[in-house]
């Protein structure tokens, strides 16, 4: 199975939604940026924008997008525009492109298939002057930029071994799922388990750009568990 599917995040915790197995359409428009082709497709459900690794395609071609994921309210810095919805995937008919995408190991966690998840839980706030809830960090990241925070939460998902760290999703019952402020990503070298309730200390980073459109509004990096 393809190990890497294109995806990007305008905001941390902005949800990627798994779509149907494939998206089929006729190309109405092509816009190329470094590494990617944005395609406006005519599909049975109406016009849809898709993004795939750079491909030699043209208006009028019929294509199939494999392993599609949908990102709502996506902003492309390269194109300097916002999309209501973009389908990220690979061209099923282009094996060379798919193989190249699969070979790239440095991929942010939102670009990977979802790992095991566990239900949310209400978790008491950590103590101390640096203590913050998930909701507090997500709602006002600029005020905490480059500052150390301590946050307690339940691990609901982990993407391991990406860029040399593990990407831990913490939730504590604060914030809002609707606004994407209920889920905080903490990167750490520690081996943790989904379902554990942990207290983590790390540094708040904002507008973290990993290139190729992978942008996170807020992350807590250099995470270390506290007793």
Protein backbone atom coordinates (compact mmCIF):
# COMPACT_ATOMS: atom_id res chain seq x y z
CA UNK A 1 0.00 0.00 0.00
CA UNK A 2 1.19 3.49 -0.68
CA UNK A 3 2.88 4.75 2.48
CA UNK A 4 2.55 8.45 1.79
CA UNK A 5 -0.54 10.32 0.66
CA UNK A 6 -0.38 14.05 0.01
CA UNK A 7 -2.04 16.19 2.65
CA UNK A 8 -1.59 19.54 4.30
CA UNK A 9 -2.90 21.47 7.27
CA UNK A 10 -3.89 25.10 7.38
CA UNK A 11 -4.60 24.88 11.10
CA UNK A 12 -3.42 22.40 13.66
CA UNK A 13 -6.11 19.84 14.28
CA UNK A 14 -7.96 20.74 11.10
CA UNK A 15 -9.53 17.40 10.17
CA UNK A 16 -8.63 15.29 7.19
CA UNK A 17 -11.54 13.15 6.09
CA UNK A 18 -11.09 9.86 4.29
CA UNK A 19 -13.06 9.99 1.03
CA UNK A 20 -14.26 7.16 -1.20
CA UNK A 21 -11.67 4.72 -2.59
CA UNK A 22 -11.07 6.82 -5.73
CA UNK A 23 -12.15 10.11 -7.28
CA UNK A 24 -12.64 10.10 -11.05
CA UNK A 25 -12.97 13.21 -13.17
CA UNK A 26 -12.04 15.20 -16.25
CA UNK A 27 -9.42 17.93 -15.85
CA UNK A 28 -10.83 21.40 -16.39
CA UNK A 29 -7.79 23.34 -15.14
CA UNK A 30 -4.19 22.64 -14.09
CA UNK A 31 -2.04 24.79 -11.80
CA UNK A 32 1.48 23.58 -11.09
CA UNK A 33 3.67 24.57 -8.14
CA UNK A 34 6.93 23.09 -6.95
CA UNK A 35 6.35 19.39 -6.35
CA UNK A 36 2.58 19.42 -6.89
CA UNK A 37 -0.14 19.73 -9.49
CA UNK A 38 -3.49 21.21 -8.53
CA UNK A 39 -6.28 19.92 -10.74
CA UNK A 40 -9.80 21.23 -11.07
CA UNK A 41 -11.87 18.20 -11.96
CA UNK A 42 -15.33 17.72 -13.38
CA UNK A 43 -16.78 14.80 -11.42
CA UNK A 44 -20.17 13.19 -10.97
CA UNK A 45 -20.54 15.25 -7.77
CA UNK A 46 -19.60 18.55 -9.42
CA UNK A 47 -16.33 20.45 -9.81
CA UNK A 48 -13.63 19.41 -7.34
CA UNK A 49 -10.06 20.55 -6.75
CA UNK A 50 -7.45 17.83 -6.26
CA UNK A 51 -3.73 17.95 -5.46
CA UNK A 52 -1.26 15.28 -6.57
CA UNK A 53 2.52 14.98 -6.98
CA UNK A 54 3.65 16.88 -10.06
CA UNK A 55 2.13 15.17 -13.09
CA UNK A 56 2.26 15.67 -16.86
CA UNK A 57 -1.45 16.11 -17.42
CA UNK A 58 -3.52 18.62 -19.35
CA UNK A 59 -7.00 20.00 -19.69
CA UNK A 60 -9.37 17.37 -21.01
CA UNK A 61 -7.49 14.38 -19.54
CA UNK A 62 -9.54 11.94 -17.49
CA UNK A 63 -7.80 10.95 -14.27
CA UNK A 64 -8.36 8.82 -11.21
CA UNK A 65 -7.21 10.05 -7.79
CA UNK A 66 -6.21 7.12 -5.58
CA UNK A 67 -6.19 7.05 -1.75
CA UNK A 68 -8.08 10.35 -1.58
CA UNK A 69 -8.35 12.46 1.56
CA UNK A 70 -10.34 15.67 1.83
CA UNK A 71 -9.11 18.86 3.46
CA UNK A 72 -11.70 21.56 4.05
CA UNK A 73 -10.80 25.27 4.14
CA UNK A 74 -7.30 24.62 2.81
CA UNK A 75 -4.88 27.47 2.07
CA UNK A 76 -2.09 27.03 -0.47
CA UNK A 77 0.73 29.46 0.17
CA UNK A 78 2.31 28.55 -3.15
CA UNK A 79 -0.85 29.52 -5.06
CA UNK A 80 -1.76 32.32 -2.64
CA UNK A 81 -5.37 31.22 -2.46
CA UNK A 82 -7.82 29.38 -0.25
CA UNK A 83 -9.92 26.39 -1.31
CA UNK A 84 -13.23 25.38 0.23
CA UNK A 85 -12.15 21.78 -0.30
CA UNK A 86 -9.17 19.96 -1.80
CA UNK A 87 -8.85 16.22 -2.40
CA UNK A 88 -5.28 15.04 -1.77
CA UNK A 89 -4.05 11.81 -3.33
CA UNK A 90 -2.01 10.30 -6.16
CA UNK A 91 -2.79 9.60 -9.79
CA UNK A 92 -3.77 5.96 -9.96
CA UNK A 93 -2.67 5.79 -13.59
CA UNK A 94 0.80 7.23 -12.92
CA UNK A 95 2.82 4.46 -11.26
CA UNK A 96 6.07 6.42 -11.38
CA UNK A 97 4.54 9.31 -9.45
CA UNK A 98 2.98 6.95 -6.92
CA UNK A 99 6.30 5.18 -6.39
CA UNK A 100 8.12 8.47 -5.92
CA UNK A 101 5.57 9.58 -3.36
CA UNK A 102 5.87 6.30 -1.51
CA UNK A 103 9.64 6.67 -1.30
CA UNK A 104 9.58 10.00 0.55
CA UNK A 105 9.98 9.32 4.29
CA UNK A 106 9.87 12.83 5.75
CA UNK A 107 6.14 13.35 6.01
CA UNK A 108 4.10 15.14 8.66
CA UNK A 109 1.66 12.98 10.63
CA UNK A 110 -1.53 14.37 9.09
CA UNK A 111 -0.40 12.93 5.78
CA UNK A 112 -0.45 9.38 7.15
CA UNK A 113 -3.36 6.97 7.49
CA UNK A 114 -5.03 7.27 10.86
CA UNK A 115 -3.55 5.10 13.56
CA UNK A 116 -5.42 3.62 16.53
CA UNK A 117 -7.47 6.17 18.42
CA UNK A 118 -9.16 6.20 21.79
CA UNK A 119 -12.12 8.22 23.09
CA UNK A 120 -11.58 11.61 24.70
CA UNK A 121 -11.55 12.06 28.45
CA UNK A 122 -11.99 14.93 30.90
CA UNK A 123 -8.56 15.44 32.45
CA UNK A 124 -7.74 17.90 35.28
CA UNK A 125 -5.41 20.75 34.37
CA UNK A 126 -1.75 20.40 35.36
CA UNK A 127 -0.44 22.52 38.24
CA UNK A 128 2.23 25.21 38.29
CA UNK A 129 2.82 28.61 36.66
CA UNK A 130 3.41 27.12 33.20
CA UNK A 131 0.33 24.90 33.28
CA UNK A 132 -2.15 25.30 30.42
CA UNK A 133 -5.08 23.32 29.11
CA UNK A 134 -5.20 22.08 25.53
CA UNK A 135 -7.89 24.65 24.79
CA UNK A 136 -5.85 27.51 26.22
CA UNK A 137 -2.82 26.66 24.11
CA UNK A 138 -4.82 26.16 20.94
CA UNK A 139 -6.92 29.31 21.36
CA UNK A 140 -4.06 31.77 22.01
CA UNK A 141 -0.86 30.31 20.58
CA UNK A 142 0.71 33.66 19.72
CA UNK A 143 0.70 34.71 23.37
CA UNK A 144 2.60 31.52 24.24
CA UNK A 145 5.00 31.47 21.28
CA UNK A 146 8.45 30.13 22.24
CA UNK A 147 7.33 29.74 25.86
CA UNK A 148 7.46 26.57 27.92
CA UNK A 149 4.12 25.06 28.85
CA UNK A 150 2.99 22.10 30.92
CA UNK A 151 -0.14 20.32 29.73
CA UNK A 152 -1.91 17.23 31.00
CA UNK A 153 -4.11 15.19 28.73
CA UNK A 154 -5.10 11.83 27.38
CA UNK A 155 -3.20 10.46 24.40
CA UNK A 156 -5.82 9.81 21.73
CA UNK A 157 -3.47 9.10 18.82
CA UNK A 158 0.25 8.73 18.07
CA UNK A 159 2.12 8.84 14.77
CA UNK A 160 5.54 7.39 15.51
CA UNK A 161 8.99 7.92 14.05
CA UNK A 162 8.27 10.89 11.78
CA UNK A 163 11.17 13.30 11.36
CA UNK A 164 12.88 11.54 14.25
CA UNK A 165 10.11 12.15 16.80
CA UNK A 166 6.72 10.83 17.82
CA UNK A 167 3.66 13.02 17.20
CA UNK A 168 1.31 12.72 20.17
CA UNK A 169 -2.26 14.00 20.08
CA UNK A 170 -3.42 15.17 23.52
CA UNK A 171 -6.97 15.99 24.58
CA UNK A 172 -8.21 17.00 28.03
CA UNK A 173 -11.86 17.85 27.43
CA UNK A 174 -11.16 21.55 26.88
CA UNK A 175 -11.44 23.42 23.61
CA UNK A 176 -13.91 22.78 20.84
CA UNK A 177 -13.97 20.13 18.13
CA UNK A 178 -15.90 22.52 15.90
CA UNK A 179 -13.13 25.13 16.00
CA UNK A 180 -10.28 22.60 16.09
CA UNK A 181 -9.05 23.71 19.51
CA UNK A 182 -9.59 20.43 21.38
CA UNK A 183 -6.58 18.51 20.04
CA UNK A 184 -2.94 19.46 20.69
CA UNK A 185 0.04 17.87 18.97
CA UNK A 186 3.13 17.37 21.12
CA UNK A 187 6.32 16.06 19.52
CA UNK A 188 8.56 13.93 21.69
CA UNK A 189 11.28 11.30 21.48
CA UNK A 190 9.66 9.35 24.30
CA UNK A 191 7.76 6.13 23.65
CA UNK A 192 4.23 6.63 24.92
CA UNK A 193 0.98 4.71 24.53
CA UNK A 194 -2.45 5.61 23.21
CA UNK A 195 -4.90 5.82 26.10
CA UNK A 196 -2.35 6.98 28.68
CA UNK A 197 -2.94 10.17 30.65
CA UNK A 198 0.33 12.10 30.71
CA UNK A 199 1.73 15.45 31.77
CA UNK A 200 4.04 16.90 29.13
CA UNK A 201 6.35 19.90 29.18
CA UNK A 202 7.49 21.48 25.95
CA UNK A 203 7.90 24.69 23.95
CA UNK A 204 5.07 26.25 21.96
CA UNK A 205 5.86 26.81 18.28
CA UNK A 206 3.56 28.69 15.96
CA UNK A 207 3.13 28.70 12.17
CA UNK A 208 5.50 25.78 11.83
CA UNK A 209 6.20 25.30 8.13
CA UNK A 210 7.77 22.01 7.03
CA UNK A 211 7.67 23.02 3.38
CA UNK A 212 5.51 21.77 0.50
CA UNK A 213 2.45 23.26 2.13
CA UNK A 214 2.70 21.40 5.43
CA UNK A 215 1.92 24.17 7.92
CA UNK A 216 0.87 23.84 11.56
CA UNK A 217 -0.64 26.81 13.35
CA UNK A 218 0.55 25.54 16.73
CA UNK A 219 2.69 22.67 18.02
CA UNK A 220 4.35 21.88 21.31
CA UNK A 221 7.85 20.60 20.56
CA UNK A 222 10.64 19.03 22.64
CA UNK A 223 8.01 17.34 24.77
CA UNK A 224 9.10 15.56 27.96
CA UNK A 225 6.82 13.77 30.37
CA UNK A 226 6.62 15.09 33.91
CA UNK A 227 6.07 13.10 37.08
